[in-house]
Amino acid sequence: MPVGGRRVPVVLGYRDPQAYRTDPYFLGILVGRVANRISGAGFDVDGRRYMLAANDPPNHLHGGPGGIYGQNWAVDPDGARSVRLRLVSPDGHQGYPGRVTLTVTITLRRHTVTYDMRAETDRPTPVNLTQHSYYNLMGQGAIYDHSVQIAADQFTPTDAAMIPTGDIRALAGQGFDLRRAKTLQQADPGHHGLDLNYVLSGTPDRPAANVSAPNGLQLTLRTDQPCLQLYSAAHLGRAGTPLGGQDHAPFARLCLEPQGFPNAINTPGFPSTLISPDRPYRQITQICSAPKVAA
């Protein structure tokens, strides 16, 4: 992204594309079949128990090792600035039931990237996709000076293993209440790290999140998903050779992950993430990064 005549590398990445296949930090990938954590690495559908890889012991995280991000997708151009990705995830892949056909269309229009994610299945199965880029609008350094605003009145508290308790709690009075913009330093002055699921209160035409940096660059995210995970990358490390001029270090980037309710498959009080032959999946998320225009 050009700012003041120079290009700023706002998205974290690797020089070697093969590094993304086994990256433990999930840089820039399409996460699934189910984003976030599944408690106990298992769930029940139609009276049958399905067990998954416990890659975040004792829980399952982001579809497990070799999830959809580690597969070879079919890639087809769809116009001058659009590409369509397609993957068939077979029945039993990573322990999940059902044959799932995934189609993701990514379109670039000026400063905006749109992700149109769809999934169809031949039997009931959970699907909860997200896009997992790491952003630093300054290009390098820590992100404590980034200002973040999220259109959410509530969040889902978690236990020590980052599994939602099943409660949906008001953000009022919490330091990480971002209904009004705060720097990440203000939201997390102790640098403990933020890894929170916000329950969005807006509509798809209203920004779910705004991020701005001291250099004047801003990022706006819109989504039709009910939730947004904010992760300030407290545990980010180096798992491959970074793109030039980038830091792969704690708090060097932040993630904004649109998603359904985490662990909904094991939490009866949360809206379901099950899809079926007559109820397919779709997500539309738009991410715009551009210099802030003065009022």
C-alpha atoms as a PDB file:
ATOM      1  CA  MET A   1       0.000   0.000   0.000  1.00  0.00           C
ATOM      2  CA  PRO A   2       1.611   3.354  -1.054  1.00  0.00           C
ATOM      3  CA  VAL A   3       1.785   6.005   1.672  1.00  0.00           C
ATOM      4  CA  GLY A   4       3.616   9.297   1.140  1.00  0.00           C
ATOM      5  CA  GLY A   5       5.329   7.999  -1.978  1.00  0.00           C
ATOM      6  CA  ARG A   6       6.605   4.759  -0.430  1.00  0.00           C
ATOM      7  CA  ARG A   7       5.135   1.278  -0.335  1.00  0.00           C
ATOM      8  CA  VAL A   8       4.140  -0.077   3.087  1.00  0.00           C
ATOM      9  CA  PRO A   9       3.969  -3.899   3.466  1.00  0.00           C
ATOM     10  CA  VAL A  10       0.843  -4.031   5.615  1.00  0.00           C
ATOM     11  CA  VAL A  11       0.222  -7.820   5.395  1.00  0.00           C
ATOM     12  CA  LEU A  12       2.646 -10.283   6.951  1.00  0.00           C
ATOM     13  CA  GLY A  13       4.001 -13.024   4.717  1.00  0.00           C
ATOM     14  CA  TYR A  14       6.754 -15.496   3.821  1.00  0.00           C
ATOM     15  CA  ARG A  15       9.241 -15.449   0.952  1.00  0.00           C
ATOM     16  CA  ASP A  16       8.739 -19.171   0.305  1.00  0.00           C
ATOM     17  CA  PRO A  17       5.091 -20.022  -0.505  1.00  0.00           C
ATOM     18  CA  GLN A  18       5.598 -23.553   0.856  1.00  0.00           C
ATOM     19  CA  ALA A  19       5.990 -22.071   4.354  1.00  0.00           C
ATOM     20  CA  TYR A  20       2.266 -21.337   4.484  1.00  0.00           C
ATOM     21  CA  ARG A  21       1.400 -25.050   4.393  1.00  0.00           C
ATOM     22  CA  THR A  22       2.878 -25.835   7.808  1.00  0.00           C
ATOM     23  CA  ASP A  23       2.843 -22.387   9.393  1.00  0.00           C
ATOM     24  CA  PRO A  24       1.776 -22.700  13.065  1.00  0.00           C
ATOM     25  CA  TYR A  25       0.680 -19.040  13.084  1.00  0.00           C
ATOM     26  CA  PHE A  26      -1.746 -19.357  10.130  1.00  0.00           C
ATOM     27  CA  LEU A  27      -0.386 -16.326   8.249  1.00  0.00           C
ATOM     28  CA  GLY A  28      -2.677 -15.030   5.513  1.00  0.00           C
ATOM     29  CA  ILE A  29      -4.627 -18.266   5.089  1.00  0.00           C
ATOM     30  CA  LEU A  30      -8.244 -19.285   4.597  1.00  0.00           C
ATOM     31  CA  VAL A  31      -9.080 -21.082   7.855  1.00  0.00           C
ATOM     32  CA  GLY A  32     -11.398 -24.074   8.027  1.00  0.00           C
ATOM     33  CA  ARG A  33     -13.315 -26.188   7.975  1.00  0.00           C
ATOM     34  CA  VAL A  34     -13.935 -24.575  11.372  1.00  0.00           C
ATOM     35  CA  ALA A  35     -12.116 -21.485  12.577  1.00  0.00           C
ATOM     36  CA  ASN A  36     -11.158 -20.940  16.206  1.00  0.00           C
ATOM     37  CA  ARG A  37     -11.295 -23.782  18.730  1.00  0.00           C
ATOM     38  CA  ILE A  38     -13.479 -26.852  19.157  1.00  0.00           C
ATOM     39  CA  SER A  39     -13.454 -28.026  22.761  1.00  0.00           C
ATOM     40  CA  GLY A  40     -12.150 -31.517  23.430  1.00  0.00           C
ATOM     41  CA  ALA A  41     -11.332 -31.866  19.719  1.00  0.00           C
ATOM     42  CA  GLY A  42     -14.698 -33.471  19.098  1.00  0.00           C
ATOM     43  CA  PHE A  43     -18.422 -32.980  18.591  1.00  0.00           C
ATOM     44  CA  ASP A  44     -21.693 -34.866  17.991  1.00  0.00           C
ATOM     45  CA  VAL A  45     -23.870 -34.675  14.876  1.00  0.00           C
ATOM     46  CA  ASP A  46     -27.038 -36.762  14.516  1.00  0.00           C
ATOM     47  CA  GLY A  47     -26.089 -38.938  17.474  1.00  0.00           C
ATOM     48  CA  ARG A  48     -22.604 -39.786  16.256  1.00  0.00           C
ATOM     49  CA  ARG A  49     -19.340 -38.634  17.828  1.00  0.00           C
ATOM     50  CA  TYR A  50     -16.634 -37.185  15.564  1.00  0.00           C
ATOM     51  CA  MET A  51     -13.066 -36.785  16.802  1.00  0.00           C
ATOM     52  CA  LEU A  52     -10.582 -34.272  15.374  1.00  0.00           C
ATOM     53  CA  ALA A  53      -6.877 -33.579  15.712  1.00  0.00           C
ATOM     54  CA  ALA A  54      -6.062 -31.987  19.083  1.00  0.00           C
ATOM     55  CA  ASN A  55      -3.505 -29.553  17.637  1.00  0.00           C
ATOM     56  CA  ASP A  56      -4.130 -27.127  20.526  1.00  0.00           C
ATOM     57  CA  PRO A  57      -4.270 -29.800  23.262  1.00  0.00           C
ATOM     58  CA  PRO A  58      -6.786 -30.842  24.351  1.00  0.00           C
ATOM     59  CA  ASN A  59      -8.676 -28.806  21.756  1.00  0.00           C
ATOM     60  CA  HIS A  60      -8.883 -28.511  17.971  1.00  0.00           C
ATOM     61  CA  LEU A  61      -7.774 -25.228  16.357  1.00  0.00           C
ATOM     62  CA  HIS A  62      -8.479 -23.710  12.920  1.00  0.00           C
ATOM     63  CA  GLY A  63      -9.330 -26.973  11.168  1.00  0.00           C
ATOM     64  CA  GLY A  64      -6.300 -28.859  12.409  1.00  0.00           C
ATOM     65  CA  PRO A  65      -2.925 -29.587  10.795  1.00  0.00           C
ATOM     66  CA  GLY A  66      -3.368 -29.991   7.061  1.00  0.00           C
ATOM     67  CA  GLY A  67      -6.727 -28.233   7.119  1.00  0.00           C
ATOM     68  CA  ILE A  68      -8.142 -26.549   4.023  1.00  0.00           C
ATOM     69  CA  TYR A  69      -5.268 -24.036   4.086  1.00  0.00           C
ATOM     70  CA  GLY A  70      -2.752 -26.824   3.508  1.00  0.00           C
ATOM     71  CA  GLN A  71      -4.470 -28.235   0.405  1.00  0.00           C
ATOM     72  CA  ASN A  72      -3.994 -27.479  -3.273  1.00  0.00           C
ATOM     73  CA  TRP A  73      -6.955 -25.431  -4.475  1.00  0.00           C
ATOM     74  CA  ALA A  74      -8.029 -25.139  -8.106  1.00  0.00           C
ATOM     75  CA  VAL A  75      -7.482 -21.521  -9.209  1.00  0.00           C
ATOM     76  CA  ASP A  76      -9.315 -19.844 -12.078  1.00  0.00           C
ATOM     77  CA  PRO A  77      -9.223 -16.179 -13.157  1.00  0.00           C
ATOM     78  CA  ASP A  78     -12.615 -14.490 -12.948  1.00  0.00           C
ATOM     79  CA  GLY A  79     -12.148 -11.213 -14.784  1.00  0.00           C
ATOM     80  CA  ALA A  80      -9.178  -8.864 -14.688  1.00  0.00           C
ATOM     81  CA  ARG A  81      -9.099  -8.397 -10.906  1.00  0.00           C
ATOM     82  CA  SER A  82     -10.810 -11.475  -9.525  1.00  0.00           C
ATOM     83  CA  VAL A  83      -9.840 -15.089  -8.893  1.00  0.00           C
ATOM     84  CA  ARG A  84     -11.966 -18.086  -7.964  1.00  0.00           C
ATOM     85  CA  LEU A  85     -10.575 -20.805  -5.694  1.00  0.00           C
ATOM     86  CA  ARG A  86     -12.203 -24.216  -5.439  1.00  0.00           C
ATOM     87  CA  LEU A  87     -11.537 -27.172  -3.149  1.00  0.00           C
ATOM     88  CA  VAL A  88     -13.377 -30.414  -2.458  1.00  0.00           C
ATOM     89  CA  SER A  89     -12.832 -31.537   1.138  1.00  0.00           C
ATOM     90  CA  PRO A  90     -13.719 -35.254   1.215  1.00  0.00           C
ATOM     91  CA  ASP A  91     -15.870 -36.944   3.823  1.00  0.00           C
ATOM     92  CA  GLY A  92     -13.690 -37.648   6.877  1.00  0.00           C
ATOM     93  CA  HIS A  93     -11.036 -35.045   6.085  1.00  0.00           C
ATOM     94  CA  GLN A  94      -9.439 -34.066   9.415  1.00  0.00           C
ATOM     95  CA  GLY A  95     -12.229 -36.076  11.062  1.00  0.00           C
ATOM     96  CA  TYR A  96     -15.108 -33.936   9.808  1.00  0.00           C
ATOM     97  CA  PRO A  97     -18.213 -35.573   8.343  1.00  0.00           C
ATOM     98  CA  GLY A  98     -19.501 -34.873   4.869  1.00  0.00           C
ATOM     99  CA  ARG A  99     -18.070 -34.043   1.464  1.00  0.00           C
ATOM    100  CA  VAL A 100     -17.744 -30.263   1.358  1.00  0.00           C
ATOM    101  CA  THR A 101     -17.231 -28.221  -1.785  1.00  0.00           C
ATOM    102  CA  LEU A 102     -15.647 -24.852  -1.037  1.00  0.00           C
ATOM    103  CA  THR A 103     -15.609 -21.909  -3.434  1.00  0.00           C
ATOM    104  CA  VAL A 104     -13.873 -18.643  -2.571  1.00  0.00           C
ATOM    105  CA  THR A 105     -13.928 -15.693  -4.958  1.00  0.00           C
ATOM    106  CA  ILE A 106     -11.428 -12.928  -4.179  1.00  0.00           C
ATOM    107  CA  THR A 107     -11.907  -9.609  -5.948  1.00  0.00           C
ATOM    108  CA  LEU A 108      -9.775  -6.456  -5.904  1.00  0.00           C
ATOM    109  CA  ARG A 109     -11.460  -3.115  -6.651  1.00  0.00           C
ATOM    110  CA  ARG A 110      -9.217  -0.102  -6.042  1.00  0.00           C
ATOM    111  CA  HIS A 111      -8.247  -0.348  -2.342  1.00  0.00           C
ATOM    112  CA  THR A 112     -10.850  -3.008  -1.425  1.00  0.00           C
ATOM    113  CA  VAL A 113     -10.472  -6.797  -1.360  1.00  0.00           C
ATOM    114  CA  THR A 114     -13.713  -8.780  -1.189  1.00  0.00           C
ATOM    115  CA  TYR A 115     -13.887 -12.404  -0.059  1.00  0.00           C
ATOM    116  CA  ASP A 116     -17.008 -14.298  -1.141  1.00  0.00           C
ATOM    117  CA  MET A 117     -16.799 -17.681   0.611  1.00  0.00           C
ATOM    118  CA  ARG A 118     -19.254 -20.497  -0.038  1.00  0.00           C
ATOM    119  CA  ALA A 119     -19.550 -24.114   1.057  1.00  0.00           C
ATOM    120  CA  GLU A 120     -21.936 -26.909   0.076  1.00  0.00           C
ATOM    121  CA  THR A 121     -22.180 -30.325   1.703  1.00  0.00           C
ATOM    122  CA  ASP A 122     -23.860 -33.675   1.145  1.00  0.00           C
ATOM    123  CA  ARG A 123     -24.641 -34.144   4.867  1.00  0.00           C
ATOM    124  CA  PRO A 124     -24.809 -32.006   8.033  1.00  0.00           C
ATOM    125  CA  THR A 125     -21.390 -30.756   9.153  1.00  0.00           C
ATOM    126  CA  PRO A 126     -19.999 -27.669  10.900  1.00  0.00           C
ATOM    127  CA  VAL A 127     -18.426 -24.963   8.736  1.00  0.00           C
ATOM    128  CA  ASN A 128     -17.067 -21.666  10.060  1.00  0.00           C
ATOM    129  CA  LEU A 129     -14.525 -20.039   7.746  1.00  0.00           C
ATOM    130  CA  THR A 130     -12.351 -16.988   8.278  1.00  0.00           C
ATOM    131  CA  GLN A 131      -9.566 -15.080   6.587  1.00  0.00           C
ATOM    132  CA  HIS A 132      -6.447 -14.873   8.761  1.00  0.00           C
ATOM    133  CA  SER A 133      -4.165 -12.069   7.573  1.00  0.00           C
ATOM    134  CA  TYR A 134      -1.868 -10.254  10.001  1.00  0.00           C
ATOM    135  CA  TYR A 135      -1.839  -6.457   9.572  1.00  0.00           C
ATOM    136  CA  ASN A 136       0.562  -3.679  10.532  1.00  0.00           C
ATOM    137  CA  LEU A 137      -0.366  -0.387   8.891  1.00  0.00           C
ATOM    138  CA  MET A 138       3.057   1.066   9.723  1.00  0.00           C
ATOM    139  CA  GLY A 139       4.743  -1.838   7.942  1.00  0.00           C
ATOM    140  CA  GLN A 140       6.995  -2.801  10.844  1.00  0.00           C
ATOM    141  CA  GLY A 141       7.416  -2.403  14.600  1.00  0.00           C
ATOM    142  CA  ALA A 142       4.879  -3.090  17.347  1.00  0.00           C
ATOM    143  CA  ILE A 143       1.186  -2.322  16.866  1.00  0.00           C
ATOM    144  CA  TYR A 144       0.494  -0.673  20.248  1.00  0.00           C
ATOM    145  CA  ASP A 145       0.060   2.699  18.490  1.00  0.00           C
ATOM    146  CA  HIS A 146      -2.682   1.359  16.184  1.00  0.00           C
ATOM    147  CA  SER A 147      -6.132   2.694  17.001  1.00  0.00           C
ATOM    148  CA  VAL A 148      -8.935   0.118  16.792  1.00  0.00           C
ATOM    149  CA  GLN A 149     -12.712   0.513  16.798  1.00  0.00           C
ATOM    150  CA  ILE A 150     -15.074  -2.490  16.706  1.00  0.00           C
ATOM    151  CA  ALA A 151     -18.852  -2.267  16.349  1.00  0.00           C
ATOM    152  CA  ALA A 152     -19.673  -4.680  19.148  1.00  0.00           C
ATOM    153  CA  ASP A 153     -21.570  -4.289  22.423  1.00  0.00           C
ATOM    154  CA  GLN A 154     -20.817  -7.808  23.664  1.00  0.00           C
ATOM    155  CA  PHE A 155     -18.128 -10.479  23.727  1.00  0.00           C
ATOM    156  CA  THR A 156     -17.853 -14.176  24.554  1.00  0.00           C
ATOM    157  CA  PRO A 157     -15.659 -14.774  27.641  1.00  0.00           C
ATOM    158  CA  THR A 158     -13.427 -17.854  27.636  1.00  0.00           C
ATOM    159  CA  ASP A 159     -11.818 -20.222  30.086  1.00  0.00           C
ATOM    160  CA  ALA A 160      -8.076 -20.716  30.538  1.00  0.00           C
ATOM    161  CA  ALA A 161      -7.935 -22.884  27.384  1.00  0.00           C
ATOM    162  CA  MET A 162      -9.597 -20.129  25.289  1.00  0.00           C
ATOM    163  CA  ILE A 163     -12.876 -22.062  25.040  1.00  0.00           C
ATOM    164  CA  PRO A 164     -16.013 -19.896  25.305  1.00  0.00           C
ATOM    165  CA  THR A 165     -17.873 -20.410  28.566  1.00  0.00           C
ATOM    166  CA  GLY A 166     -21.217 -20.124  26.774  1.00  0.00           C
ATOM    167  CA  ASP A 167     -21.915 -16.664  28.180  1.00  0.00           C
ATOM    168  CA  ILE A 168     -22.393 -13.545  26.090  1.00  0.00           C
ATOM    169  CA  ARG A 169     -21.300 -10.595  28.213  1.00  0.00           C
ATOM    170  CA  ALA A 170     -21.583  -6.823  27.829  1.00  0.00           C
ATOM    171  CA  LEU A 171     -18.403  -4.944  26.922  1.00  0.00           C
ATOM    172  CA  ALA A 172     -19.336  -1.881  28.970  1.00  0.00           C
ATOM    173  CA  GLY A 173     -16.717  -1.312  31.674  1.00  0.00           C
ATOM    174  CA  GLN A 174     -14.127  -3.605  30.070  1.00  0.00           C
ATOM    175  CA  GLY A 175     -10.744  -2.176  29.097  1.00  0.00           C
ATOM    176  CA  PHE A 176     -11.064  -3.875  25.721  1.00  0.00           C
ATOM    177  CA  ASP A 177     -14.410  -2.185  24.970  1.00  0.00           C
ATOM    178  CA  LEU A 178     -13.627  -0.752  21.533  1.00  0.00           C
ATOM    179  CA  ARG A 179     -16.957   0.820  20.632  1.00  0.00           C
ATOM    180  CA  ARG A 180     -15.000   4.048  20.739  1.00  0.00           C
ATOM    181  CA  ALA A 181     -11.584   3.909  19.136  1.00  0.00           C
ATOM    182  CA  LYS A 182      -8.635   3.156  21.414  1.00  0.00           C
ATOM    183  CA  THR A 183      -5.020   2.404  20.771  1.00  0.00           C
ATOM    184  CA  LEU A 184      -4.019  -1.155  21.567  1.00  0.00           C
ATOM    185  CA  GLN A 185      -1.785   0.337  24.259  1.00  0.00           C
ATOM    186  CA  GLN A 186      -4.901   1.766  25.925  1.00  0.00           C
ATOM    187  CA  ALA A 187      -6.872  -1.447  25.477  1.00  0.00           C
ATOM    188  CA  ASP A 188      -4.032  -3.667  26.758  1.00  0.00           C
ATOM    189  CA  PRO A 189      -1.639  -1.507  28.836  1.00  0.00           C
ATOM    190  CA  GLY A 190      -0.038  -4.559  30.449  1.00  0.00           C
ATOM    191  CA  HIS A 191       0.767  -6.122  27.073  1.00  0.00           C
ATOM    192  CA  HIS A 192      -0.900  -9.380  28.077  1.00  0.00           C
ATOM    193  CA  GLY A 193      -2.286  -9.767  24.559  1.00  0.00           C
ATOM    194  CA  LEU A 194      -5.796  -9.564  23.186  1.00  0.00           C
ATOM    195  CA  ASP A 195      -7.445 -12.665  21.743  1.00  0.00           C
ATOM    196  CA  LEU A 196     -11.162 -11.935  21.986  1.00  0.00           C
ATOM    197  CA  ASN A 197     -14.335 -12.776  20.119  1.00  0.00           C
ATOM    198  CA  TYR A 198     -16.517  -9.680  19.717  1.00  0.00           C
ATOM    199  CA  VAL A 199     -20.250 -10.153  19.017  1.00  0.00           C
ATOM    200  CA  LEU A 200     -20.959  -7.621  16.295  1.00  0.00           C
ATOM    201  CA  SER A 201     -23.920  -5.287  16.701  1.00  0.00           C
ATOM    202  CA  GLY A 202     -23.929  -3.574  13.314  1.00  0.00           C
ATOM    203  CA  THR A 203     -25.101  -4.498   9.826  1.00  0.00           C
ATOM    204  CA  PRO A 204     -23.030  -5.630   6.797  1.00  0.00           C
ATOM    205  CA  ASP A 205     -23.127  -2.124   5.304  1.00  0.00           C
ATOM    206  CA  ARG A 206     -21.661  -0.651   8.494  1.00  0.00           C
ATOM    207  CA  PRO A 207     -17.965  -1.190   9.235  1.00  0.00           C
ATOM    208  CA  ALA A 208     -17.422  -3.973  11.740  1.00  0.00           C
ATOM    209  CA  ALA A 209     -13.935  -2.639  12.489  1.00  0.00           C
ATOM    210  CA  ASN A 210     -11.754   0.367  11.763  1.00  0.00           C
ATOM    211  CA  VAL A 211      -8.005   0.429  12.347  1.00  0.00           C
ATOM    212  CA  SER A 212      -5.783   3.482  11.896  1.00  0.00           C
ATOM    213  CA  ALA A 213      -2.064   4.121  12.323  1.00  0.00           C
ATOM    214  CA  PRO A 214       0.069   7.235  12.945  1.00  0.00           C
ATOM    215  CA  ASN A 215       1.174   7.324   9.289  1.00  0.00           C
ATOM    216  CA  GLY A 216      -2.395   8.080   8.217  1.00  0.00           C
ATOM    217  CA  LEU A 217      -3.156   4.657   6.799  1.00  0.00           C
ATOM    218  CA  GLN A 218      -6.458   3.090   7.811  1.00  0.00           C
ATOM    219  CA  LEU A 219      -8.144  -0.273   7.374  1.00  0.00           C
ATOM    220  CA  THR A 220     -11.905  -0.806   7.295  1.00  0.00           C
ATOM    221  CA  LEU A 221     -13.523  -4.233   7.533  1.00  0.00           C
ATOM    222  CA  ARG A 222     -17.131  -5.056   6.672  1.00  0.00           C
ATOM    223  CA  THR A 223     -18.635  -8.517   7.061  1.00  0.00           C
ATOM    224  CA  ASP A 224     -21.958 -10.346   7.232  1.00  0.00           C
ATOM    225  CA  GLN A 225     -20.645 -12.643   9.984  1.00  0.00           C
ATOM    226  CA  PRO A 226     -21.996 -12.341  13.555  1.00  0.00           C
ATOM    227  CA  CYS A 227     -18.587 -12.237  15.254  1.00  0.00           C
ATOM    228  CA  LEU A 228     -15.070 -10.865  14.882  1.00  0.00           C
ATOM    229  CA  GLN A 229     -11.963 -12.202  16.612  1.00  0.00           C
ATOM    230  CA  LEU A 230      -9.318  -9.603  17.477  1.00  0.00           C
ATOM    231  CA  TYR A 231      -5.857 -11.089  18.018  1.00  0.00           C
ATOM    232  CA  SER A 232      -2.910  -8.843  18.846  1.00  0.00           C
ATOM    233  CA  ALA A 233      -0.386 -11.595  18.012  1.00  0.00           C
ATOM    234  CA  ALA A 234       1.105 -12.010  21.489  1.00  0.00           C
ATOM    235  CA  HIS A 235       2.425 -15.448  20.503  1.00  0.00           C
ATOM    236  CA  LEU A 236       3.591 -14.685  16.976  1.00  0.00           C
ATOM    237  CA  GLY A 237       7.023 -16.068  16.138  1.00  0.00           C
ATOM    238  CA  ARG A 238       9.241 -16.864  13.194  1.00  0.00           C
ATOM    239  CA  ALA A 239       8.464 -20.061  11.300  1.00  0.00           C
ATOM    240  CA  GLY A 240       9.978 -19.149   7.931  1.00  0.00           C
ATOM    241  CA  THR A 241      11.862 -16.401   6.115  1.00  0.00           C
ATOM    242  CA  PRO A 242       9.747 -13.219   6.263  1.00  0.00           C
ATOM    243  CA  LEU A 243       9.046 -10.983   3.323  1.00  0.00           C
ATOM    244  CA  GLY A 244      11.594  -8.150   3.188  1.00  0.00           C
ATOM    245  CA  GLY A 245      11.482  -5.604   5.995  1.00  0.00           C
ATOM    246  CA  GLN A 246       8.928  -7.485   8.102  1.00  0.00           C
ATOM    247  CA  ASP A 247       8.980  -8.570  11.743  1.00  0.00           C
ATOM    248  CA  HIS A 248       7.674 -11.984  12.816  1.00  0.00           C
ATOM    249  CA  ALA A 249       7.599 -11.216  16.523  1.00  0.00           C
ATOM    250  CA  PRO A 250       5.031 -10.824  19.312  1.00  0.00           C
ATOM    251  CA  PHE A 251       2.761  -7.793  18.844  1.00  0.00           C
ATOM    252  CA  ALA A 252       4.219  -7.038  15.403  1.00  0.00           C
ATOM    253  CA  ARG A 253       0.814  -7.483  13.730  1.00  0.00           C
ATOM    254  CA  LEU A 254      -2.878  -7.817  14.526  1.00  0.00           C
ATOM    255  CA  CYS A 255      -5.585 -10.087  13.115  1.00  0.00           C
ATOM    256  CA  LEU A 256      -9.244  -9.330  12.461  1.00  0.00           C
ATOM    257  CA  GLU A 257     -11.055 -12.639  11.899  1.00  0.00           C
ATOM    258  CA  PRO A 258     -14.748 -12.556  10.839  1.00  0.00           C
ATOM    259  CA  GLN A 259     -16.441 -15.737  12.001  1.00  0.00           C
ATOM    260  CA  GLY A 260     -19.490 -17.460  13.393  1.00  0.00           C
ATOM    261  CA  PHE A 261     -19.707 -18.077  17.123  1.00  0.00           C
ATOM    262  CA  PRO A 262     -16.645 -20.090  18.224  1.00  0.00           C
ATOM    263  CA  ASN A 263     -17.221 -23.635  19.494  1.00  0.00           C
ATOM    264  CA  ALA A 264     -20.886 -23.287  18.551  1.00  0.00           C
ATOM    265  CA  ILE A 265     -21.010 -26.997  17.703  1.00  0.00           C
ATOM    266  CA  ASN A 266     -20.536 -27.741  21.433  1.00  0.00           C
ATOM    267  CA  THR A 267     -22.420 -24.729  22.833  1.00  0.00           C
ATOM    268  CA  PRO A 268     -26.209 -25.120  22.503  1.00  0.00           C
ATOM    269  CA  GLY A 269     -26.834 -21.471  23.426  1.00  0.00           C
ATOM    270  CA  PHE A 270     -24.819 -20.148  20.459  1.00  0.00           C
ATOM    271  CA  PRO A 271     -26.208 -19.793  16.924  1.00  0.00           C
ATOM    272  CA  SER A 272     -25.462 -22.975  14.989  1.00  0.00           C
ATOM    273  CA  THR A 273     -22.594 -23.288  12.512  1.00  0.00           C
ATOM    274  CA  LEU A 274     -23.981 -26.514  11.038  1.00  0.00           C
ATOM    275  CA  ILE A 275     -24.615 -26.546   7.304  1.00  0.00           C
ATOM    276  CA  SER A 276     -26.602 -29.120   5.350  1.00  0.00           C
ATOM    277  CA  PRO A 277     -27.525 -29.906   1.736  1.00  0.00           C
ATOM    278  CA  ASP A 278     -30.460 -27.491   1.951  1.00  0.00           C
ATOM    279  CA  ARG A 279     -28.614 -24.897   4.054  1.00  0.00           C
ATOM    280  CA  PRO A 280     -25.234 -24.048   2.478  1.00  0.00           C
ATOM    281  CA  TYR A 281     -22.648 -21.637   3.862  1.00  0.00           C
ATOM    282  CA  ARG A 282     -21.820 -18.160   2.627  1.00  0.00           C
ATOM    283  CA  GLN A 283     -19.667 -15.315   3.951  1.00  0.00           C
ATOM    284  CA  ILE A 284     -18.938 -11.957   2.386  1.00  0.00           C
ATOM    285  CA  THR A 285     -16.132  -9.878   3.890  1.00  0.00           C
ATOM    286  CA  GLN A 286     -14.629  -6.674   2.517  1.00  0.00           C
ATOM    287  CA  ILE A 287     -11.287  -5.235   3.623  1.00  0.00           C
ATOM    288  CA  CYS A 288     -10.311  -1.742   2.540  1.00  0.00           C
ATOM    289  CA  SER A 289      -6.865  -0.290   3.257  1.00  0.00           C
ATOM    290  CA  ALA A 290      -6.133   3.269   2.156  1.00  0.00           C
ATOM    291  CA  PRO A 291      -4.713   6.577   3.381  1.00  0.00           C
ATOM    292  CA  LYS A 292      -7.158   8.436   5.587  1.00  0.00           C
ATOM    293  CA  VAL A 293      -8.944  11.273   3.811  1.00  0.00           C
ATOM    294  CA  ALA A 294      -9.070  14.490   5.833  1.00  0.00           C
ATOM    295  CA  ALA A 295     -12.587  15.712   6.648  1.00  0.00           C
END
